[in-house]
Amino acid sequence: MAFTSVKDVFGGMASSFKPAAAKGIDAVFQFEITGEGGGSWNATIKNGTCQVAEGKSGAPTVTLTMASDTWLGIVNKQVNPIQAFMGGKLKLTGNMMLAQKIQDLFL
């Protein structure tokens, strides 16, 4: 299923979460999506659970900032996240190693 809106991606994120991949992870992922249909969301991973909320987290472990078309391309597997990062389309602050686990946790 291809996602067509940023809101749909975050709405389905908790149900696509893979608890087995989250062993030992206690983190907050902040997503800052710019452009049409964008916004702020955060995903808290703790004790093998995932809670997704709209808005900004007070203390994110890692923050990912990108345009809505880049985010939709990544979740729909049309854009390589590493290439997006290297090309400046995806900006990371915080724990970069943790950001690399997002694909294992959700996709």
N, C-alpha and C. Protein backbone atom coordinates (compact mmCIF):
# COMPACT_ATOMS: atom_id res chain seq x y z
N MET A 1 0.83 -1.18 0.00
CA MET A 1 0.00 0.00 0.00
C MET A 1 0.88 1.25 0.00
N ALA A 2 0.67 2.12 -0.94
CA ALA A 2 1.44 3.35 -1.01
C ALA A 2 0.75 4.44 -0.20
N PHE A 3 1.54 5.14 0.58
CA PHE A 3 1.00 6.25 1.36
C PHE A 3 0.95 7.50 0.48
N THR A 4 -0.13 8.25 0.60
CA THR A 4 -0.28 9.46 -0.19
C THR A 4 -0.28 10.72 0.66
N SER A 5 -0.36 10.57 2.00
CA SER A 5 -0.31 11.75 2.86
C SER A 5 0.55 11.47 4.08
N VAL A 6 1.19 12.51 4.56
CA VAL A 6 2.05 12.42 5.74
C VAL A 6 1.23 11.96 6.95
N LYS A 7 0.03 12.49 7.08
CA LYS A 7 -0.84 12.15 8.22
C LYS A 7 -1.15 10.65 8.22
N ASP A 8 -1.38 10.06 7.05
CA ASP A 8 -1.65 8.62 6.95
C ASP A 8 -0.45 7.79 7.42
N VAL A 9 0.75 8.25 7.07
CA VAL A 9 1.96 7.53 7.48
C VAL A 9 2.02 7.44 9.00
N PHE A 10 1.86 8.60 9.66
CA PHE A 10 1.96 8.61 11.11
C PHE A 10 0.77 7.92 11.76
N GLY A 11 -0.38 7.97 11.11
CA GLY A 11 -1.56 7.27 11.62
C GLY A 11 -1.37 5.76 11.64
N GLY A 12 -0.59 5.24 10.69
CA GLY A 12 -0.35 3.79 10.60
C GLY A 12 0.96 3.34 11.22
N MET A 13 1.72 4.28 11.74
CA MET A 13 3.05 3.95 12.23
C MET A 13 3.03 2.97 13.41
N ALA A 14 2.17 3.18 14.37
CA ALA A 14 2.13 2.29 15.55
C ALA A 14 1.76 0.86 15.15
N SER A 15 0.87 0.73 14.16
CA SER A 15 0.45 -0.62 13.76
C SER A 15 1.51 -1.32 12.89
N SER A 16 2.43 -0.57 12.29
CA SER A 16 3.49 -1.20 11.50
C SER A 16 4.77 -1.39 12.32
N PHE A 17 4.73 -1.03 13.59
CA PHE A 17 5.87 -1.15 14.49
C PHE A 17 6.24 -2.61 14.72
N LYS A 18 7.55 -2.89 14.74
CA LYS A 18 8.04 -4.25 14.94
C LYS A 18 8.74 -4.33 16.31
N PRO A 19 8.03 -4.78 17.35
CA PRO A 19 8.60 -4.81 18.71
C PRO A 19 9.92 -5.58 18.80
N ALA A 20 10.06 -6.66 18.05
CA ALA A 20 11.28 -7.47 18.13
C ALA A 20 12.52 -6.66 17.73
N ALA A 21 12.35 -5.71 16.81
CA ALA A 21 13.47 -4.88 16.36
C ALA A 21 13.82 -3.78 17.35
N ALA A 22 12.96 -3.56 18.34
CA ALA A 22 13.13 -2.46 19.28
C ALA A 22 13.80 -2.86 20.59
N LYS A 23 14.30 -4.08 20.65
CA LYS A 23 14.91 -4.58 21.89
C LYS A 23 16.04 -3.64 22.33
N GLY A 24 15.94 -3.17 23.56
CA GLY A 24 16.98 -2.31 24.11
C GLY A 24 16.90 -0.85 23.70
N ILE A 25 15.90 -0.49 22.91
CA ILE A 25 15.78 0.90 22.46
C ILE A 25 14.82 1.66 23.38
N ASP A 26 15.29 2.79 23.86
CA ASP A 26 14.49 3.70 24.66
C ASP A 26 14.77 5.08 24.07
N ALA A 27 13.90 5.53 23.17
CA ALA A 27 14.20 6.74 22.41
C ALA A 27 12.94 7.45 21.95
N VAL A 28 13.12 8.72 21.62
CA VAL A 28 12.04 9.51 21.03
C VAL A 28 12.53 10.01 19.67
N PHE A 29 11.81 9.63 18.63
CA PHE A 29 12.09 10.08 17.28
C PHE A 29 11.18 11.27 16.98
N GLN A 30 11.76 12.41 16.66
CA GLN A 30 10.98 13.60 16.30
C GLN A 30 11.04 13.75 14.79
N PHE A 31 9.88 13.93 14.17
CA PHE A 31 9.80 14.12 12.72
C PHE A 31 9.28 15.51 12.44
N GLU A 32 10.07 16.31 11.73
CA GLU A 32 9.66 17.64 11.30
C GLU A 32 9.50 17.57 9.79
N ILE A 33 8.26 17.55 9.34
CA ILE A 33 7.97 17.40 7.91
C ILE A 33 7.50 18.76 7.38
N THR A 34 8.24 19.26 6.40
CA THR A 34 7.94 20.58 5.85
C THR A 34 7.15 20.44 4.55
N GLY A 35 6.61 21.55 4.09
CA GLY A 35 5.90 21.55 2.82
C GLY A 35 4.45 21.14 2.97
N GLU A 36 3.82 20.90 1.85
CA GLU A 36 2.39 20.59 1.81
C GLU A 36 2.06 19.33 2.61
N GLY A 37 1.11 19.45 3.51
CA GLY A 37 0.68 18.31 4.32
C GLY A 37 1.63 17.94 5.43
N GLY A 38 2.63 18.79 5.69
CA GLY A 38 3.64 18.49 6.69
C GLY A 38 3.15 18.76 8.10
N GLY A 39 4.08 18.75 9.04
CA GLY A 39 3.77 18.98 10.43
C GLY A 39 4.82 18.34 11.31
N SER A 40 4.55 18.31 12.60
CA SER A 40 5.47 17.71 13.58
C SER A 40 4.81 16.49 14.21
N TRP A 41 5.57 15.41 14.28
CA TRP A 41 5.12 14.18 14.94
C TRP A 41 6.28 13.60 15.72
N ASN A 42 5.96 12.79 16.72
CA ASN A 42 7.03 12.10 17.43
C ASN A 42 6.59 10.67 17.73
N ALA A 43 7.58 9.80 17.78
CA ALA A 43 7.34 8.38 18.09
C ALA A 43 8.23 8.02 19.28
N THR A 44 7.61 7.57 20.36
CA THR A 44 8.35 7.17 21.55
C THR A 44 8.44 5.65 21.57
N ILE A 45 9.66 5.13 21.57
CA ILE A 45 9.91 3.69 21.60
C ILE A 45 10.48 3.37 22.98
N LYS A 46 9.79 2.52 23.72
CA LYS A 46 10.26 2.16 25.06
C LYS A 46 9.65 0.82 25.45
N ASN A 47 10.48 -0.06 26.02
CA ASN A 47 10.03 -1.38 26.49
C ASN A 47 9.26 -2.15 25.40
N GLY A 48 9.73 -2.06 24.17
CA GLY A 48 9.09 -2.81 23.08
C GLY A 48 7.75 -2.27 22.64
N THR A 49 7.43 -1.03 23.02
CA THR A 49 6.17 -0.42 22.61
C THR A 49 6.45 0.85 21.81
N CYS A 50 5.45 1.30 21.07
CA CYS A 50 5.57 2.51 20.27
C CYS A 50 4.33 3.36 20.45
N GLN A 51 4.54 4.62 20.79
CA GLN A 51 3.44 5.57 20.86
C GLN A 51 3.76 6.71 19.91
N VAL A 52 2.81 7.02 19.04
CA VAL A 52 2.99 8.09 18.07
C VAL A 52 2.04 9.23 18.42
N ALA A 53 2.56 10.45 18.42
CA ALA A 53 1.73 11.61 18.75
C ALA A 53 2.06 12.76 17.82
N GLU A 54 1.07 13.58 17.56
CA GLU A 54 1.30 14.77 16.76
C GLU A 54 1.88 15.84 17.68
N GLY A 55 2.82 16.63 17.16
CA GLY A 55 3.42 17.70 17.95
C GLY A 55 4.89 17.45 18.22
N LYS A 56 5.47 18.36 18.99
CA LYS A 56 6.89 18.28 19.30
C LYS A 56 7.11 17.62 20.65
N SER A 57 8.12 16.78 20.71
CA SER A 57 8.53 16.15 21.97
C SER A 57 9.44 17.12 22.71
N GLY A 58 9.38 17.11 24.03
CA GLY A 58 10.23 17.99 24.81
C GLY A 58 11.70 17.63 24.73
N ALA A 59 12.01 16.35 24.59
CA ALA A 59 13.41 15.91 24.59
C ALA A 59 13.63 14.76 23.62
N PRO A 60 13.61 15.05 22.31
CA PRO A 60 13.82 13.95 21.34
C PRO A 60 15.26 13.43 21.38
N THR A 61 15.39 12.13 21.11
CA THR A 61 16.71 11.51 21.02
C THR A 61 17.33 11.82 19.66
N VAL A 62 16.48 11.83 18.63
CA VAL A 62 16.93 12.16 17.28
C VAL A 62 15.80 12.91 16.57
N THR A 63 16.17 13.92 15.80
CA THR A 63 15.18 14.68 15.03
C THR A 63 15.50 14.56 13.55
N LEU A 64 14.47 14.22 12.77
CA LEU A 64 14.61 14.11 11.33
C LEU A 64 13.77 15.21 10.69
N THR A 65 14.39 16.00 9.83
CA THR A 65 13.70 17.10 9.16
C THR A 65 13.81 16.89 7.66
N MET A 66 12.64 16.93 6.99
CA MET A 66 12.64 16.76 5.53
C MET A 66 11.31 17.25 4.97
N ALA A 67 11.27 17.42 3.67
CA ALA A 67 10.04 17.83 2.98
C ALA A 67 9.07 16.66 2.91
N SER A 68 7.81 16.97 2.80
CA SER A 68 6.78 15.92 2.77
C SER A 68 6.99 14.96 1.61
N ASP A 69 7.42 15.46 0.44
CA ASP A 69 7.61 14.55 -0.70
C ASP A 69 8.78 13.60 -0.46
N THR A 70 9.81 14.06 0.24
CA THR A 70 10.94 13.18 0.58
C THR A 70 10.49 12.10 1.56
N TRP A 71 9.74 12.50 2.60
CA TRP A 71 9.25 11.53 3.60
C TRP A 71 8.35 10.48 2.94
N LEU A 72 7.43 10.91 2.10
CA LEU A 72 6.54 9.95 1.42
C LEU A 72 7.35 9.05 0.50
N GLY A 73 8.37 9.58 -0.14
CA GLY A 73 9.23 8.76 -1.00
C GLY A 73 9.97 7.70 -0.20
N ILE A 74 10.43 8.06 0.99
CA ILE A 74 11.15 7.10 1.84
C ILE A 74 10.21 5.99 2.30
N VAL A 75 9.04 6.35 2.84
CA VAL A 75 8.15 5.31 3.36
C VAL A 75 7.55 4.45 2.25
N ASN A 76 7.46 4.99 1.05
CA ASN A 76 6.96 4.21 -0.08
C ASN A 76 8.09 3.51 -0.84
N LYS A 77 9.30 3.57 -0.26
CA LYS A 77 10.48 2.90 -0.82
C LYS A 77 10.84 3.37 -2.23
N GLN A 78 10.58 4.66 -2.50
CA GLN A 78 10.97 5.25 -3.79
C GLN A 78 12.20 6.13 -3.64
N VAL A 79 12.53 6.48 -2.39
CA VAL A 79 13.68 7.33 -2.10
C VAL A 79 14.54 6.60 -1.08
N ASN A 80 15.83 6.51 -1.36
CA ASN A 80 16.76 5.89 -0.43
C ASN A 80 17.09 6.92 0.66
N PRO A 81 16.84 6.59 1.95
CA PRO A 81 17.07 7.57 3.00
C PRO A 81 18.53 8.02 3.12
N ILE A 82 19.47 7.14 2.82
CA ILE A 82 20.89 7.51 2.91
C ILE A 82 21.23 8.50 1.80
N GLN A 83 20.70 8.25 0.61
CA GLN A 83 20.92 9.19 -0.49
C GLN A 83 20.25 10.54 -0.20
N ALA A 84 19.06 10.50 0.42
CA ALA A 84 18.37 11.74 0.77
C ALA A 84 19.21 12.52 1.78
N PHE A 85 19.81 11.82 2.74
CA PHE A 85 20.66 12.48 3.74
C PHE A 85 21.90 13.06 3.06
N MET A 86 22.57 12.26 2.25
CA MET A 86 23.79 12.72 1.58
C MET A 86 23.51 13.89 0.63
N GLY A 87 22.31 13.90 0.05
CA GLY A 87 21.94 14.97 -0.87
C GLY A 87 21.36 16.19 -0.19
N GLY A 88 21.30 16.18 1.15
CA GLY A 88 20.82 17.33 1.88
C GLY A 88 19.30 17.44 1.98
N LYS A 89 18.59 16.42 1.52
CA LYS A 89 17.12 16.46 1.57
C LYS A 89 16.58 15.98 2.92
N LEU A 90 17.42 15.29 3.68
CA LEU A 90 17.07 14.79 5.01
C LEU A 90 18.12 15.29 5.98
N LYS A 91 17.67 16.03 6.99
CA LYS A 91 18.59 16.55 7.99
C LYS A 91 18.36 15.83 9.31
N LEU A 92 19.45 15.48 9.97
CA LEU A 92 19.37 14.77 11.25
C LEU A 92 20.09 15.55 12.34
N THR A 93 19.49 15.58 13.53
CA THR A 93 20.19 16.08 14.70
C THR A 93 19.98 15.06 15.80
N GLY A 94 20.98 14.91 16.65
CA GLY A 94 20.87 13.92 17.71
C GLY A 94 21.57 12.63 17.34
N ASN A 95 21.05 11.51 17.80
CA ASN A 95 21.67 10.20 17.64
C ASN A 95 21.47 9.65 16.23
N MET A 96 22.49 9.83 15.38
CA MET A 96 22.37 9.40 13.98
C MET A 96 22.29 7.89 13.83
N MET A 97 22.97 7.15 14.70
CA MET A 97 22.92 5.69 14.62
C MET A 97 21.50 5.20 14.85
N LEU A 98 20.79 5.86 15.73
CA LEU A 98 19.41 5.49 16.02
C LEU A 98 18.52 5.75 14.80
N ALA A 99 18.79 6.83 14.10
CA ALA A 99 17.99 7.16 12.92
C ALA A 99 18.05 6.03 11.88
N GLN A 100 19.19 5.35 11.82
CA GLN A 100 19.34 4.27 10.85
C GLN A 100 18.46 3.06 11.17
N LYS A 101 17.98 2.97 12.39
CA LYS A 101 17.15 1.84 12.81
C LYS A 101 15.67 2.02 12.43
N ILE A 102 15.29 3.19 11.97
CA ILE A 102 13.89 3.44 11.68
C ILE A 102 13.33 2.42 10.68
N GLN A 103 14.10 2.12 9.64
CA GLN A 103 13.62 1.15 8.65
C GLN A 103 13.36 -0.21 9.29
N ASP A 104 14.23 -0.63 10.21
CA ASP A 104 14.04 -1.92 10.88
C ASP A 104 12.83 -1.89 11.81
N LEU A 105 12.56 -0.74 12.41
CA LEU A 105 11.48 -0.64 13.39
C LEU A 105 10.10 -0.57 12.76
N PHE A 106 10.00 0.01 11.57
CA PHE A 106 8.67 0.28 11.01
C PHE A 106 8.42 -0.27 9.62
N LEU A 107 9.43 -0.35 8.80
CA LEU A 107 9.15 -0.61 7.39
C LEU A 107 9.38 -2.06 6.99
